[in-house]
Amino acid sequence: MAARTRAKDSDRDATCRLLDNALADGQLSGEEHRRRVQTAVTATTLGELEALVADLQPAEQDRPPARTRAKRTVVVAAVGITAAVLVVLATAVDWGGADAPAADPGPVAPVPESPVALAPPAPTVAPDTVPPAVITPVRDLHTVEGLSAVIEAMRARFGDTMGYELAIGTDQATLARPDPADAQSKVVYPYRGGWDDPSKRARSDGDDLTDLAAFDIPATAAALAAAPATLNIAPADVSSSYLDIDHVAAEGGLELLVRITTKSGSSGYLYLDPSAKVKRLENPS
């Protein structure tokens, strides 16, 4: 695909997984990982995503196992072998060939067996590996618990739930808020278990400040769960789902847009009011 091709949510998710693996593999520092994930979740083209992973090696778990040369090893386990038995073993081995005379060891005083058994060999220890970085576990943000967590995280971070737009995937979200330093700009915060540092973008005419939490969370979670069936999409054919919340002046208030993308790349849309009642729908075409 061309670098300018628009990226899908599944492309952004796949890129974030590669960056997580690179962090666990020691290729990225925590700060590098944070910056790249922040860029990945807001990327709009495949070229932007490709640039974030172009310099990375495959993660350890993605590499084929290295071939090892087989070693021919003879192991003799002995506990309490007497010197006399060792002599018998030595004379039984043909050290010099068929014509070499066997050496006469002469009388050998028996050695008492050791009462202490030899310690078993130490277990093989796997090579040290860098433990994977544990980021806040990602919950399903399209459940009542997940939607509530995003809203509560807004209140905790910003002191309110105001903003221009809140877009929520199943495992990540983005929030657009006014730029306090520039009325013509907005700041976009990525969310992956917590809010990360924002990026700055130009504000558009459709950016209206509104209370993004003014919707029925349980009803919306139920609408999200039922969206594939509502749009006549088989559950096994769902590739990704997405909820977008913003103020639409033409509709006279808050609107919730649900997008369900199929594995073939087509998408269906549900337009909901704040009570999660379906206003209109567009089946995949």
Protein backbone atom coordinates (compact mmCIF):
# COMPACT_ATOMS: atom_id res chain seq x y z
CA MET A 1 0.00 0.00 0.00
CA ALA A 2 1.09 3.60 -0.62
CA ALA A 3 2.55 5.54 2.27
CA ARG A 4 -0.25 8.09 1.93
CA THR A 5 -2.98 5.45 2.38
CA ARG A 6 -5.17 6.26 5.37
CA ALA A 7 -4.44 4.12 8.42
CA LYS A 8 -7.11 2.04 10.17
CA ASP A 9 -7.47 1.48 13.91
CA SER A 10 -6.14 -2.06 13.42
CA ASP A 11 -2.99 -0.59 11.79
CA ARG A 12 -2.45 1.73 14.77
CA ASP A 13 -3.02 -1.16 17.21
CA ALA A 14 -0.52 -3.36 15.36
CA THR A 15 2.10 -0.58 15.41
CA CYS A 16 1.63 -0.05 19.16
CA ARG A 17 2.13 -3.79 19.75
CA LEU A 18 5.41 -3.68 17.79
CA LEU A 19 6.56 -0.70 19.86
CA ASP A 20 5.61 -2.52 23.10
CA ASN A 21 7.66 -5.52 21.95
CA ALA A 22 10.61 -3.26 21.10
CA LEU A 23 10.47 -1.74 24.59
CA ALA A 24 10.42 -5.19 26.18
CA ASP A 25 13.28 -6.25 23.88
CA GLY A 26 15.46 -3.35 25.02
CA GLN A 27 15.48 -1.55 21.67
CA LEU A 28 13.56 1.49 22.94
CA SER A 29 13.89 3.47 26.12
CA GLY A 30 10.77 4.29 28.08
CA GLU A 31 10.79 7.87 26.79
CA GLU A 32 11.28 6.77 23.14
CA HIS A 33 8.45 4.25 23.52
CA ARG A 34 6.16 6.88 25.03
CA ARG A 35 6.80 9.36 22.19
CA ARG A 36 6.32 6.79 19.45
CA VAL A 37 3.11 5.36 20.92
CA GLN A 38 1.76 8.89 21.26
CA THR A 39 2.46 9.48 17.58
CA ALA A 40 1.08 6.08 16.54
CA VAL A 41 -2.33 6.50 18.16
CA THR A 42 -2.87 9.79 16.32
CA ALA A 43 -1.28 8.79 12.98
CA THR A 44 -3.45 9.21 9.90
CA THR A 45 -1.42 7.41 7.18
CA LEU A 46 0.43 4.11 6.82
CA GLY A 47 3.60 6.06 6.03
CA GLU A 48 3.53 7.73 9.45
CA LEU A 49 3.17 4.33 11.14
CA GLU A 50 5.93 2.74 9.03
CA ALA A 51 8.37 5.49 10.02
CA LEU A 52 7.84 4.63 13.71
CA VAL A 53 9.06 1.02 13.34
CA ALA A 54 11.39 1.21 10.33
CA ASP A 55 14.56 1.20 12.48
CA LEU A 56 13.50 -1.65 14.79
CA GLN A 57 14.65 -5.27 14.68
CA PRO A 58 12.08 -8.02 14.98
CA ALA A 59 11.16 -8.63 18.62
CA GLU A 60 12.65 -11.69 20.35
CA GLN A 61 9.32 -13.51 20.37
CA ASP A 62 9.03 -13.00 16.60
CA ARG A 63 12.45 -14.44 15.74
CA PRO A 64 12.86 -18.08 14.70
CA PRO A 65 14.79 -20.18 17.25
CA ALA A 66 18.52 -20.24 16.64
CA ARG A 67 19.99 -23.52 15.40
CA THR A 68 22.33 -25.23 17.81
CA ARG A 69 24.98 -27.78 16.87
CA ALA A 70 24.35 -31.19 18.37
CA LYS A 71 27.05 -32.21 20.82
CA ARG A 72 28.14 -35.79 21.37
CA THR A 73 28.47 -36.10 25.11
CA VAL A 74 29.15 -39.16 27.21
CA VAL A 75 28.06 -38.83 30.81
CA VAL A 76 29.11 -41.35 33.45
CA ALA A 77 27.16 -41.16 36.71
CA ALA A 78 28.88 -42.82 39.64
CA VAL A 79 28.08 -42.82 43.31
CA GLY A 80 30.50 -44.57 45.63
CA ILE A 81 32.61 -46.27 42.89
CA THR A 82 35.61 -48.07 44.41
CA ALA A 83 39.10 -47.80 43.03
CA ALA A 84 38.98 -51.50 42.17
CA VAL A 85 35.96 -50.97 39.91
CA LEU A 86 37.78 -48.08 38.20
CA VAL A 87 40.71 -50.40 37.50
CA VAL A 88 38.38 -53.00 35.97
CA LEU A 89 36.90 -50.32 33.76
CA ALA A 90 40.36 -49.15 32.71
CA THR A 91 41.52 -52.67 31.79
CA ALA A 92 38.32 -53.38 29.91
CA VAL A 93 38.90 -50.46 27.54
CA ASP A 94 41.17 -51.13 24.56
CA TRP A 95 43.45 -48.09 24.90
CA GLY A 96 46.25 -49.25 22.61
CA GLY A 97 44.47 -51.45 20.05
CA ALA A 98 43.91 -55.22 19.83
CA ASP A 99 47.62 -56.13 20.15
CA ALA A 100 48.45 -53.94 23.15
CA PRO A 101 48.96 -56.01 26.36
CA ALA A 102 46.74 -55.20 29.27
CA ALA A 103 48.52 -53.44 32.10
CA ASP A 104 48.73 -55.23 35.44
CA PRO A 105 47.62 -52.81 38.08
CA GLY A 106 48.86 -54.97 40.92
CA PRO A 107 47.10 -55.20 44.23
CA VAL A 108 45.00 -52.18 45.04
CA ALA A 109 43.67 -51.43 48.47
CA PRO A 110 39.90 -51.01 48.37
CA VAL A 111 38.63 -47.52 48.93
CA PRO A 112 35.58 -47.30 51.18
CA GLU A 113 32.48 -46.03 49.50
CA SER A 114 31.68 -42.45 50.23
CA PRO A 115 28.56 -42.12 52.38
CA VAL A 116 27.78 -38.81 50.67
CA ALA A 117 26.05 -39.06 47.29
CA LEU A 118 27.22 -36.77 44.55
CA ALA A 119 24.98 -33.74 44.18
CA PRO A 120 22.67 -33.88 41.14
CA PRO A 121 23.62 -31.56 38.26
CA ALA A 122 22.31 -28.04 38.57
CA PRO A 123 19.23 -27.37 36.43
CA THR A 124 19.78 -25.53 33.21
CA VAL A 125 19.12 -21.84 33.64
CA ALA A 126 17.62 -19.94 30.74
CA PRO A 127 19.66 -16.94 29.57
CA ASP A 128 18.74 -13.68 31.22
CA THR A 129 16.18 -11.71 29.28
CA VAL A 130 14.82 -8.24 29.76
CA PRO A 131 11.42 -8.61 31.43
CA PRO A 132 8.58 -7.05 29.45
CA ALA A 133 7.56 -3.63 30.60
CA VAL A 134 4.25 -3.79 32.44
CA ILE A 135 2.01 -0.96 31.32
CA THR A 136 -1.39 -0.40 32.91
CA PRO A 137 -3.54 -3.35 31.80
CA VAL A 138 -5.81 -2.30 28.97
CA ARG A 139 -9.47 -3.00 29.66
CA ASP A 140 -12.24 -3.10 27.06
CA LEU A 141 -13.15 0.57 26.89
CA HIS A 142 -16.49 -0.18 25.22
CA THR A 143 -17.93 -1.73 28.38
CA VAL A 144 -19.66 0.20 31.17
CA GLU A 145 -16.48 -0.16 33.24
CA GLY A 146 -14.24 1.00 30.38
CA LEU A 147 -16.33 4.03 29.40
CA SER A 148 -16.64 5.05 33.05
CA ALA A 149 -12.87 4.72 33.51
CA VAL A 150 -12.18 7.13 30.61
CA ILE A 151 -14.64 9.71 31.94
CA GLU A 152 -13.27 9.46 35.49
CA ALA A 153 -9.73 9.78 34.13
CA MET A 154 -10.79 13.04 32.44
CA ARG A 155 -12.12 14.42 35.71
CA ALA A 156 -9.00 13.34 37.59
CA ARG A 157 -6.58 14.84 35.04
CA PHE A 158 -8.39 18.01 33.94
CA GLY A 159 -10.89 18.71 36.70
CA ASP A 160 -13.83 18.54 34.27
CA THR A 161 -15.17 16.60 31.27
CA MET A 162 -15.22 19.46 28.77
CA GLY A 163 -13.66 19.14 25.34
CA TYR A 164 -14.13 19.27 21.59
CA GLU A 165 -14.16 15.55 20.88
CA LEU A 166 -13.63 12.20 22.62
CA ALA A 167 -12.82 9.19 20.42
CA ILE A 168 -12.78 5.78 22.14
CA GLY A 169 -11.52 2.51 20.67
CA THR A 170 -11.63 -0.80 22.52
CA ASP A 171 -8.20 -0.28 24.12
CA GLN A 172 -7.25 3.36 23.61
CA ALA A 173 -8.82 6.80 23.32
CA THR A 174 -8.01 10.38 22.27
CA LEU A 175 -9.35 13.61 23.71
CA ALA A 176 -9.29 17.04 22.04
CA ARG A 177 -9.40 20.06 24.35
CA PRO A 178 -8.81 23.81 23.91
CA ASP A 179 -5.22 24.98 23.80
CA PRO A 180 -4.93 27.40 26.75
CA ALA A 181 -2.11 29.25 24.99
CA ASP A 182 -3.69 29.60 21.54
CA ALA A 183 -7.38 30.03 20.75
CA GLN A 184 -6.78 28.87 17.17
CA SER A 185 -5.32 25.54 18.26
CA LYS A 186 -6.37 22.47 20.20
CA VAL A 187 -4.40 19.87 22.15
CA VAL A 188 -5.02 16.13 21.65
CA TYR A 189 -4.30 13.75 24.52
CA PRO A 190 -3.81 9.99 23.87
CA TYR A 191 -5.19 7.58 26.48
CA ARG A 192 -3.82 4.06 27.05
CA GLY A 193 -4.66 3.32 30.66
CA GLY A 194 -3.80 6.96 31.46
CA TRP A 195 -3.44 10.29 29.67
CA ASP A 196 -0.15 10.91 27.91
CA ASP A 197 1.39 14.23 26.83
CA PRO A 198 -0.64 16.05 24.16
CA SER A 199 0.11 17.01 20.58
CA LYS A 200 -0.96 20.34 19.11
CA ARG A 201 -3.28 20.70 16.12
CA ALA A 202 -5.16 23.47 14.38
CA ARG A 203 -8.70 24.03 15.61
CA SER A 204 -11.46 23.57 13.02
CA ASP A 205 -14.78 25.40 12.67
CA GLY A 206 -16.61 22.29 13.86
CA ASP A 207 -14.79 22.17 17.21
CA ASP A 208 -17.40 23.22 19.76
CA LEU A 209 -16.63 23.02 23.46
CA THR A 210 -19.13 20.74 25.18
CA ASP A 211 -19.52 18.34 28.12
CA LEU A 212 -18.32 15.08 26.61
CA ALA A 213 -19.62 13.06 29.57
CA ALA A 214 -23.25 14.10 29.05
CA PHE A 215 -24.40 10.74 27.70
CA ASP A 216 -25.93 7.56 29.13
CA ILE A 217 -22.95 5.25 29.73
CA PRO A 218 -24.84 1.95 30.37
CA ALA A 219 -27.12 2.51 27.36
CA THR A 220 -24.17 3.42 25.16
CA ALA A 221 -22.23 0.30 26.21
CA ALA A 222 -25.30 -1.78 25.35
CA ALA A 223 -25.59 -0.07 21.95
CA LEU A 224 -21.92 -0.77 21.25
CA ALA A 225 -22.34 -4.45 22.11
CA ALA A 226 -25.40 -4.70 19.86
CA ALA A 227 -23.96 -2.60 17.01
CA PRO A 228 -22.76 -5.52 14.81
CA ALA A 229 -26.19 -7.13 14.91
CA THR A 230 -27.88 -3.76 14.33
CA LEU A 231 -25.72 -3.26 11.23
CA ASN A 232 -26.17 -6.88 10.04
CA ILE A 233 -22.48 -7.68 10.60
CA ALA A 234 -21.54 -11.15 11.83
CA PRO A 235 -19.53 -11.02 15.10
CA ALA A 236 -16.75 -13.10 13.50
CA ASP A 237 -16.45 -10.51 10.72
CA VAL A 238 -15.81 -7.54 13.06
CA SER A 239 -12.31 -6.12 12.72
CA SER A 240 -12.63 -3.07 15.02
CA SER A 241 -15.17 -0.82 16.70
CA TYR A 242 -14.95 2.85 17.49
CA LEU A 243 -17.02 5.44 19.37
CA ASP A 244 -16.76 9.15 18.59
CA ILE A 245 -18.40 11.73 20.88
CA ASP A 246 -18.68 15.40 20.00
CA HIS A 247 -21.04 18.33 19.60
CA VAL A 248 -22.73 18.57 16.21
CA ALA A 249 -24.27 21.97 15.66
CA ALA A 250 -26.50 20.70 12.85
CA GLU A 251 -27.97 18.10 15.20
CA GLY A 252 -28.42 20.60 18.00
CA GLY A 253 -26.20 18.98 20.60
CA LEU A 254 -24.10 15.98 21.56
CA GLU A 255 -23.91 13.12 19.09
CA LEU A 256 -22.37 9.66 19.45
CA LEU A 257 -21.08 7.96 16.32
CA VAL A 258 -20.40 4.20 16.40
CA ARG A 259 -18.28 2.78 13.58
CA ILE A 260 -17.94 -0.98 13.06
CA THR A 261 -15.25 -2.02 10.55
CA THR A 262 -15.34 -5.47 8.97
CA LYS A 263 -12.37 -7.68 8.11
CA SER A 264 -12.94 -6.88 4.44
CA GLY A 265 -12.42 -3.17 5.19
CA SER A 266 -16.00 -1.92 4.84
CA SER A 267 -17.64 0.02 7.68
CA GLY A 268 -21.12 0.51 9.09
CA TYR A 269 -22.21 3.50 11.15
CA LEU A 270 -24.71 4.17 13.94
CA TYR A 271 -25.63 7.72 14.92
CA LEU A 272 -26.89 7.94 18.51
CA ASP A 273 -28.32 10.69 20.68
CA PRO A 274 -27.04 11.13 24.27
CA SER A 275 -29.53 8.50 25.51
CA ALA A 276 -28.02 6.02 22.97
CA LYS A 277 -31.19 5.97 20.89
CA VAL A 278 -30.42 5.26 17.21
CA LYS A 279 -31.10 8.34 15.07
CA ARG A 280 -29.96 6.78 11.80
CA LEU A 281 -27.70 4.02 10.55
CA GLU A 282 -25.58 3.22 7.52
CA ASN A 283 -25.00 -0.44 6.75
CA PRO A 284 -21.60 -1.49 5.31
CA SER A 285 -21.46 -0.94 1.55
